[in-house]
Amino acid sequence: LTVLNAGRRYLKAEDLSGKVFVTSGLGGMSGAQAKAAVIAGCVGIIAEVDEAALLKRHKQGWLMEISNNLDHCIARLREARKNKIALSLGYHGNVVDLWERLVHELDTTGELLVDLGSDQTSCHNPFNGGYYPVQLGFEEGKQLLSSNPGKFRTLVQESLKRHVAAINKLADKGMFFWDYGNAFLLEAQRAGADVTKKGADKTEFRYPSYVQHIMG
């Protein structure tokens, strides 16, 4: 319902075939995103750093395909988008890399490949394994979290700034991003990312909340 209503509200579309939804997280609550994309009829690309979570969703049948190669992900996205095929593709990697690749595609081809975006990393717990920084692989990140949590925290905040910068570039060209109530925008703001709504006070974000703006 969230994905369908986001399409209705922001894309003015009842039919989401050929539309692309990019997000992250295939754990607990976020695991439903892959299935939601297919039910809604769109192309869903969901990034996940933890291979165990990715494989679990694939085994359960909630996720149609898995890839750790961004070139392959972009090729599949283009193919499914062109042919209006419902697809859930799990990218085994960091969502920041995926967002930055989509910016690169926009910069080099002029093509905006994503229509809807969100995030379901566990940003309510970003410095204790809920969010892994793009600068490190998953296992490296786990080791740093254990050995030097202060450094891990710094890298998470740098990663959040890159994360938001890429989203902002795509949103400026017409992608619609929303907050999934996971404290992503709050932690990004605390990290110094550009998420405050222009002309508003610091409690208002530039992107809407799914509770008020989509489900409401």
C-alpha atoms as a PDB file:
ATOM      1  CA  LEU A   1       0.000   0.000   0.000  1.00  0.00           C
ATOM      2  CA  THR A   2       2.846   2.394   0.729  1.00  0.00           C
ATOM      3  CA  VAL A   3       4.439   1.843  -2.683  1.00  0.00           C
ATOM      4  CA  LEU A   4       1.091   1.995  -4.497  1.00  0.00           C
ATOM      5  CA  ASN A   5       0.053   5.171  -2.681  1.00  0.00           C
ATOM      6  CA  ALA A   6       3.440   6.783  -3.305  1.00  0.00           C
ATOM      7  CA  GLY A   7       2.885   6.139  -7.010  1.00  0.00           C
ATOM      8  CA  ARG A   8      -0.627   7.563  -6.893  1.00  0.00           C
ATOM      9  CA  ARG A   9       0.378  10.642  -4.940  1.00  0.00           C
ATOM     10  CA  TYR A  10       3.762  11.518  -6.414  1.00  0.00           C
ATOM     11  CA  LEU A  11       3.687  10.004  -9.898  1.00  0.00           C
ATOM     12  CA  LYS A  12      -0.070  10.431 -10.462  1.00  0.00           C
ATOM     13  CA  ALA A  13      -0.011   6.798 -11.574  1.00  0.00           C
ATOM     14  CA  GLU A  14      -2.409   3.977 -10.760  1.00  0.00           C
ATOM     15  CA  ASP A  15      -0.251   1.577 -12.786  1.00  0.00           C
ATOM     16  CA  LEU A  16       3.370   1.324 -11.648  1.00  0.00           C
ATOM     17  CA  SER A  17       4.569  -1.015 -14.409  1.00  0.00           C
ATOM     18  CA  GLY A  18       7.801   0.341 -15.829  1.00  0.00           C
ATOM     19  CA  LYS A  19       8.422   2.463 -12.733  1.00  0.00           C
ATOM     20  CA  VAL A  20      11.510   1.900 -10.594  1.00  0.00           C
ATOM     21  CA  PHE A  21      11.630   1.836  -6.791  1.00  0.00           C
ATOM     22  CA  VAL A  22      15.044   1.884  -5.096  1.00  0.00           C
ATOM     23  CA  THR A  23      15.481   1.232  -1.396  1.00  0.00           C
ATOM     24  CA  SER A  24      17.555  -0.713   1.108  1.00  0.00           C
ATOM     25  CA  GLY A  25      17.113  -3.299   3.808  1.00  0.00           C
ATOM     26  CA  LEU A  26      15.979  -6.917   3.609  1.00  0.00           C
ATOM     27  CA  GLY A  27      15.948  -7.754   7.300  1.00  0.00           C
ATOM     28  CA  GLY A  28      12.978  -7.852   9.717  1.00  0.00           C
ATOM     29  CA  MET A  29      10.395  -5.214   8.778  1.00  0.00           C
ATOM     30  CA  SER A  30      12.246  -4.176   5.621  1.00  0.00           C
ATOM     31  CA  GLY A  31      12.150  -7.659   4.105  1.00  0.00           C
ATOM     32  CA  ALA A  32       8.673  -6.996   2.718  1.00  0.00           C
ATOM     33  CA  GLN A  33       9.911  -4.301   0.336  1.00  0.00           C
ATOM     34  CA  ALA A  34      10.902  -6.757  -2.401  1.00  0.00           C
ATOM     35  CA  LYS A  35       7.510  -8.433  -2.369  1.00  0.00           C
ATOM     36  CA  ALA A  36       5.756  -5.058  -2.228  1.00  0.00           C
ATOM     37  CA  ALA A  37       7.521  -3.909  -5.398  1.00  0.00           C
ATOM     38  CA  VAL A  38       6.322  -6.971  -7.330  1.00  0.00           C
ATOM     39  CA  ILE A  39       2.761  -6.744  -5.967  1.00  0.00           C
ATOM     40  CA  ALA A  40       2.711  -3.094  -7.064  1.00  0.00           C
ATOM     41  CA  GLY A  41       3.989  -4.137 -10.499  1.00  0.00           C
ATOM     42  CA  CYS A  42       7.159  -2.071 -10.506  1.00  0.00           C
ATOM     43  CA  VAL A  43      10.894  -2.735 -10.677  1.00  0.00           C
ATOM     44  CA  GLY A  44      12.301  -2.903  -7.167  1.00  0.00           C
ATOM     45  CA  ILE A  45      16.049  -2.736  -6.509  1.00  0.00           C
ATOM     46  CA  ILE A  46      16.764  -3.372  -2.839  1.00  0.00           C
ATOM     47  CA  ALA A  47      20.300  -3.089  -1.448  1.00  0.00           C
ATOM     48  CA  GLU A  48      21.436  -5.189   1.504  1.00  0.00           C
ATOM     49  CA  VAL A  49      24.946  -5.476   2.976  1.00  0.00           C
ATOM     50  CA  ASP A  50      24.261  -8.680   4.908  1.00  0.00           C
ATOM     51  CA  GLU A  51      24.366 -11.659   2.546  1.00  0.00           C
ATOM     52  CA  ALA A  52      22.531 -13.871   5.071  1.00  0.00           C
ATOM     53  CA  ALA A  53      19.468 -11.580   5.002  1.00  0.00           C
ATOM     54  CA  LEU A  54      19.600 -11.441   1.204  1.00  0.00           C
ATOM     55  CA  LEU A  55      19.771 -15.215   0.820  1.00  0.00           C
ATOM     56  CA  LYS A  56      16.978 -15.718   3.339  1.00  0.00           C
ATOM     57  CA  ARG A  57      14.580 -13.480   1.380  1.00  0.00           C
ATOM     58  CA  HIS A  58      15.546 -15.171  -1.867  1.00  0.00           C
ATOM     59  CA  LYS A  59      14.999 -18.634  -0.400  1.00  0.00           C
ATOM     60  CA  GLN A  60      11.604 -17.534   0.941  1.00  0.00           C
ATOM     61  CA  GLY A  61      10.615 -16.400  -2.547  1.00  0.00           C
ATOM     62  CA  TRP A  62      10.249 -12.762  -1.511  1.00  0.00           C
ATOM     63  CA  LEU A  63      13.154 -11.741  -3.708  1.00  0.00           C
ATOM     64  CA  MET A  64      13.314 -12.845  -7.345  1.00  0.00           C
ATOM     65  CA  GLU A  65      16.987 -12.251  -8.141  1.00  0.00           C
ATOM     66  CA  ILE A  66      20.291 -11.458  -6.420  1.00  0.00           C
ATOM     67  CA  SER A  67      23.394  -9.731  -7.766  1.00  0.00           C
ATOM     68  CA  ASN A  68      26.558  -8.240  -6.286  1.00  0.00           C
ATOM     69  CA  ASN A  69      27.423  -6.502  -9.557  1.00  0.00           C
ATOM     70  CA  LEU A  70      26.215  -2.947 -10.144  1.00  0.00           C
ATOM     71  CA  ASP A  71      26.669  -3.188 -13.927  1.00  0.00           C
ATOM     72  CA  HIS A  72      24.345  -6.194 -13.935  1.00  0.00           C
ATOM     73  CA  CYS A  73      21.837  -4.434 -11.663  1.00  0.00           C
ATOM     74  CA  ILE A  74      21.658  -1.409 -13.961  1.00  0.00           C
ATOM     75  CA  ALA A  75      21.305  -3.628 -17.045  1.00  0.00           C
ATOM     76  CA  ARG A  76      18.462  -5.609 -15.424  1.00  0.00           C
ATOM     77  CA  LEU A  77      16.804  -2.384 -14.278  1.00  0.00           C
ATOM     78  CA  ARG A  78      16.878  -0.969 -17.805  1.00  0.00           C
ATOM     79  CA  GLU A  79      15.564  -4.203 -19.311  1.00  0.00           C
ATOM     80  CA  ALA A  80      12.716  -4.664 -16.837  1.00  0.00           C
ATOM     81  CA  ARG A  81      11.814  -0.975 -16.998  1.00  0.00           C
ATOM     82  CA  LYS A  82      11.688  -0.975 -20.800  1.00  0.00           C
ATOM     83  CA  ASN A  83       9.586  -4.154 -20.966  1.00  0.00           C
ATOM     84  CA  LYS A  84       7.440  -3.188 -17.939  1.00  0.00           C
ATOM     85  CA  ILE A  85       8.266  -6.411 -16.121  1.00  0.00           C
ATOM     86  CA  ALA A  86       7.671  -6.600 -12.360  1.00  0.00           C
ATOM     87  CA  LEU A  87      11.001  -7.440 -10.742  1.00  0.00           C
ATOM     88  CA  SER A  88      12.549  -7.578  -7.287  1.00  0.00           C
ATOM     89  CA  LEU A  89      16.338  -7.554  -7.496  1.00  0.00           C
ATOM     90  CA  GLY A  90      18.480  -7.716  -4.381  1.00  0.00           C
ATOM     91  CA  TYR A  91      21.793  -5.901  -4.687  1.00  0.00           C
ATOM     92  CA  HIS A  92      24.366  -7.401  -2.341  1.00  0.00           C
ATOM     93  CA  GLY A  93      26.203  -4.229  -1.477  1.00  0.00           C
ATOM     94  CA  ASN A  94      25.841  -0.833   0.110  1.00  0.00           C
ATOM     95  CA  VAL A  95      22.876   1.278  -0.966  1.00  0.00           C
ATOM     96  CA  VAL A  96      25.095   4.381  -1.134  1.00  0.00           C
ATOM     97  CA  ASP A  97      27.039   2.744  -3.979  1.00  0.00           C
ATOM     98  CA  LEU A  98      23.736   2.047  -5.724  1.00  0.00           C
ATOM     99  CA  TRP A  99      22.478   5.618  -5.313  1.00  0.00           C
ATOM    100  CA  GLU A 100      25.793   7.049  -6.499  1.00  0.00           C
ATOM    101  CA  ARG A 101      25.755   4.758  -9.538  1.00  0.00           C
ATOM    102  CA  LEU A 102      22.279   6.055 -10.414  1.00  0.00           C
ATOM    103  CA  VAL A 103      23.649   9.605 -10.182  1.00  0.00           C
ATOM    104  CA  HIS A 104      26.514   8.581 -12.484  1.00  0.00           C
ATOM    105  CA  GLU A 105      24.008   7.193 -15.007  1.00  0.00           C
ATOM    106  CA  LEU A 106      22.086  10.467 -14.850  1.00  0.00           C
ATOM    107  CA  ASP A 107      25.251  12.529 -15.305  1.00  0.00           C
ATOM    108  CA  THR A 108      26.596  10.462 -18.213  1.00  0.00           C
ATOM    109  CA  THR A 109      23.425   9.549 -20.106  1.00  0.00           C
ATOM    110  CA  GLY A 110      20.933  12.184 -18.953  1.00  0.00           C
ATOM    111  CA  GLU A 111      18.604   9.342 -17.975  1.00  0.00           C
ATOM    112  CA  LEU A 112      16.800   9.303 -14.620  1.00  0.00           C
ATOM    113  CA  LEU A 113      16.468   5.569 -13.945  1.00  0.00           C
ATOM    114  CA  VAL A 114      14.565   5.752 -10.650  1.00  0.00           C
ATOM    115  CA  ASP A 115      11.059   7.074  -9.970  1.00  0.00           C
ATOM    116  CA  LEU A 116      10.522   6.288  -6.278  1.00  0.00           C
ATOM    117  CA  GLY A 117      13.023   5.956  -3.447  1.00  0.00           C
ATOM    118  CA  SER A 118      13.133   5.242   0.244  1.00  0.00           C
ATOM    119  CA  ASP A 119      15.283   3.608   2.908  1.00  0.00           C
ATOM    120  CA  GLN A 120      14.748   0.925   5.519  1.00  0.00           C
ATOM    121  CA  THR A 121      18.154   0.561   7.085  1.00  0.00           C
ATOM    122  CA  SER A 122      17.868   0.458  10.890  1.00  0.00           C
ATOM    123  CA  CYS A 123      18.788   4.101  11.338  1.00  0.00           C
ATOM    124  CA  HIS A 124      17.160   4.191  14.755  1.00  0.00           C
ATOM    125  CA  ASN A 125      20.348   2.311  15.764  1.00  0.00           C
ATOM    126  CA  PRO A 126      22.953   3.603  13.294  1.00  0.00           C
ATOM    127  CA  PHE A 127      26.110   3.277  15.381  1.00  0.00           C
ATOM    128  CA  ASN A 128      25.590  -0.264  16.615  1.00  0.00           C
ATOM    129  CA  GLY A 129      25.092  -2.185  13.368  1.00  0.00           C
ATOM    130  CA  GLY A 130      21.834  -0.711  12.099  1.00  0.00           C
ATOM    131  CA  TYR A 131      23.604   1.152   9.299  1.00  0.00           C
ATOM    132  CA  TYR A 132      26.901   0.156   7.694  1.00  0.00           C
ATOM    133  CA  PRO A 133      29.135   2.832   6.144  1.00  0.00           C
ATOM    134  CA  VAL A 134      29.860   2.666   2.425  1.00  0.00           C
ATOM    135  CA  GLN A 135      33.596   3.132   2.953  1.00  0.00           C
ATOM    136  CA  LEU A 136      33.958  -0.425   4.322  1.00  0.00           C
ATOM    137  CA  GLY A 137      32.734  -3.869   3.386  1.00  0.00           C
ATOM    138  CA  PHE A 138      30.273  -5.574   5.726  1.00  0.00           C
ATOM    139  CA  GLU A 139      32.828  -7.754   7.514  1.00  0.00           C
ATOM    140  CA  GLU A 140      35.304  -4.854   7.795  1.00  0.00           C
ATOM    141  CA  GLY A 141      32.531  -2.722   9.225  1.00  0.00           C
ATOM    142  CA  LYS A 142      31.665  -5.331  11.842  1.00  0.00           C
ATOM    143  CA  GLN A 143      35.321  -5.560  12.890  1.00  0.00           C
ATOM    144  CA  LEU A 144      35.665  -1.777  13.171  1.00  0.00           C
ATOM    145  CA  LEU A 145      32.441  -1.529  15.150  1.00  0.00           C
ATOM    146  CA  SER A 146      33.925  -3.951  17.657  1.00  0.00           C
ATOM    147  CA  SER A 147      37.451  -2.502  17.774  1.00  0.00           C
ATOM    148  CA  ASN A 148      36.867   1.228  17.340  1.00  0.00           C
ATOM    149  CA  PRO A 149      33.219   2.313  17.726  1.00  0.00           C
ATOM    150  CA  GLY A 150      34.175   5.992  17.627  1.00  0.00           C
ATOM    151  CA  LYS A 151      35.755   5.639  14.194  1.00  0.00           C
ATOM    152  CA  PHE A 152      32.781   3.556  13.067  1.00  0.00           C
ATOM    153  CA  ARG A 153      30.443   6.377  14.125  1.00  0.00           C
ATOM    154  CA  THR A 154      32.464   8.932  12.141  1.00  0.00           C
ATOM    155  CA  LEU A 155      32.346   6.764   9.015  1.00  0.00           C
ATOM    156  CA  VAL A 156      28.582   6.239   9.395  1.00  0.00           C
ATOM    157  CA  GLN A 157      28.010   9.993   9.506  1.00  0.00           C
ATOM    158  CA  GLU A 158      30.235  10.554   6.456  1.00  0.00           C
ATOM    159  CA  SER A 159      28.336   7.787   4.655  1.00  0.00           C
ATOM    160  CA  LEU A 160      24.974   9.340   5.537  1.00  0.00           C
ATOM    161  CA  LYS A 161      26.100  12.635   4.002  1.00  0.00           C
ATOM    162  CA  ARG A 162      27.058  10.865   0.761  1.00  0.00           C
ATOM    163  CA  HIS A 163      23.795   8.903   0.889  1.00  0.00           C
ATOM    164  CA  VAL A 164      21.698  12.068   1.083  1.00  0.00           C
ATOM    165  CA  ALA A 165      23.782  13.976  -1.484  1.00  0.00           C
ATOM    166  CA  ALA A 166      23.060  11.293  -4.094  1.00  0.00           C
ATOM    167  CA  ILE A 167      19.350  11.174  -3.240  1.00  0.00           C
ATOM    168  CA  ASN A 168      19.125  14.968  -3.442  1.00  0.00           C
ATOM    169  CA  LYS A 169      20.639  15.018  -6.942  1.00  0.00           C
ATOM    170  CA  LEU A 170      18.130  12.449  -8.197  1.00  0.00           C
ATOM    171  CA  ALA A 171      15.222  14.110  -6.397  1.00  0.00           C
ATOM    172  CA  ASP A 172      16.112  17.436  -8.022  1.00  0.00           C
ATOM    173  CA  LYS A 173      15.531  15.716 -11.383  1.00  0.00           C
ATOM    174  CA  GLY A 174      12.151  14.270 -10.451  1.00  0.00           C
ATOM    175  CA  MET A 175      12.585  11.191  -8.272  1.00  0.00           C
ATOM    176  CA  PHE A 176      10.243  11.113  -5.271  1.00  0.00           C
ATOM    177  CA  PHE A 177      11.811  10.026  -1.992  1.00  0.00           C
ATOM    178  CA  TRP A 178      10.042   9.424   1.297  1.00  0.00           C
ATOM    179  CA  ASP A 179      11.024   8.577   4.847  1.00  0.00           C
ATOM    180  CA  TYR A 180       9.927   5.179   6.133  1.00  0.00           C
ATOM    181  CA  GLY A 181       9.899   6.146   9.815  1.00  0.00           C
ATOM    182  CA  ASN A 182      13.318   4.567  10.434  1.00  0.00           C
ATOM    183  CA  ALA A 183      15.036   7.784  11.659  1.00  0.00           C
ATOM    184  CA  PHE A 184      17.040   8.002   8.407  1.00  0.00           C
ATOM    185  CA  LEU A 185      16.385  11.721   7.911  1.00  0.00           C
ATOM    186  CA  LEU A 186      16.918  12.488  11.603  1.00  0.00           C
ATOM    187  CA  GLU A 187      20.302  10.763  11.725  1.00  0.00           C
ATOM    188  CA  ALA A 188      21.283  12.250   8.374  1.00  0.00           C
ATOM    189  CA  GLN A 189      20.482  15.701   9.740  1.00  0.00           C
ATOM    190  CA  ARG A 190      22.547  15.010  12.863  1.00  0.00           C
ATOM    191  CA  ALA A 191      25.414  13.966  10.583  1.00  0.00           C
ATOM    192  CA  GLY A 192      25.237  17.306   8.769  1.00  0.00           C
ATOM    193  CA  ALA A 193      23.491  16.142   5.597  1.00  0.00           C
ATOM    194  CA  ASP A 194      21.282  18.518   3.619  1.00  0.00           C
ATOM    195  CA  VAL A 195      17.810  17.262   4.581  1.00  0.00           C
ATOM    196  CA  THR A 196      16.183  20.331   6.133  1.00  0.00           C
ATOM    197  CA  LYS A 197      13.226  21.757   4.231  1.00  0.00           C
ATOM    198  CA  LYS A 198      14.123  25.060   2.624  1.00  0.00           C
ATOM    199  CA  GLY A 199      12.510  28.047   4.338  1.00  0.00           C
ATOM    200  CA  ALA A 200      11.281  25.920   7.252  1.00  0.00           C
ATOM    201  CA  ASP A 201      12.524  25.349  10.784  1.00  0.00           C
ATOM    202  CA  LYS A 202      14.950  22.548  11.624  1.00  0.00           C
ATOM    203  CA  THR A 203      12.188  20.137  12.593  1.00  0.00           C
ATOM    204  CA  GLU A 204      10.886  19.959   9.013  1.00  0.00           C
ATOM    205  CA  PHE A 205      12.560  17.738   6.454  1.00  0.00           C
ATOM    206  CA  ARG A 206      12.672  18.179   2.681  1.00  0.00           C
ATOM    207  CA  TYR A 207      11.233  14.670   2.220  1.00  0.00           C
ATOM    208  CA  PRO A 208       7.839  13.494   3.483  1.00  0.00           C
ATOM    209  CA  SER A 209       7.026  10.816   6.011  1.00  0.00           C
ATOM    210  CA  TYR A 210       5.087   7.799   4.762  1.00  0.00           C
ATOM    211  CA  VAL A 211       2.773   7.956   7.790  1.00  0.00           C
ATOM    212  CA  GLN A 212       1.500  11.498   7.220  1.00  0.00           C
ATOM    213  CA  HIS A 213       1.928  11.994   3.513  1.00  0.00           C
ATOM    214  CA  ILE A 214       1.412   8.579   1.943  1.00  0.00           C
ATOM    215  CA  MET A 215      -0.606   6.308   4.225  1.00  0.00           C
ATOM    216  CA  GLY A 216      -2.555   9.262   5.627  1.00  0.00           C
END
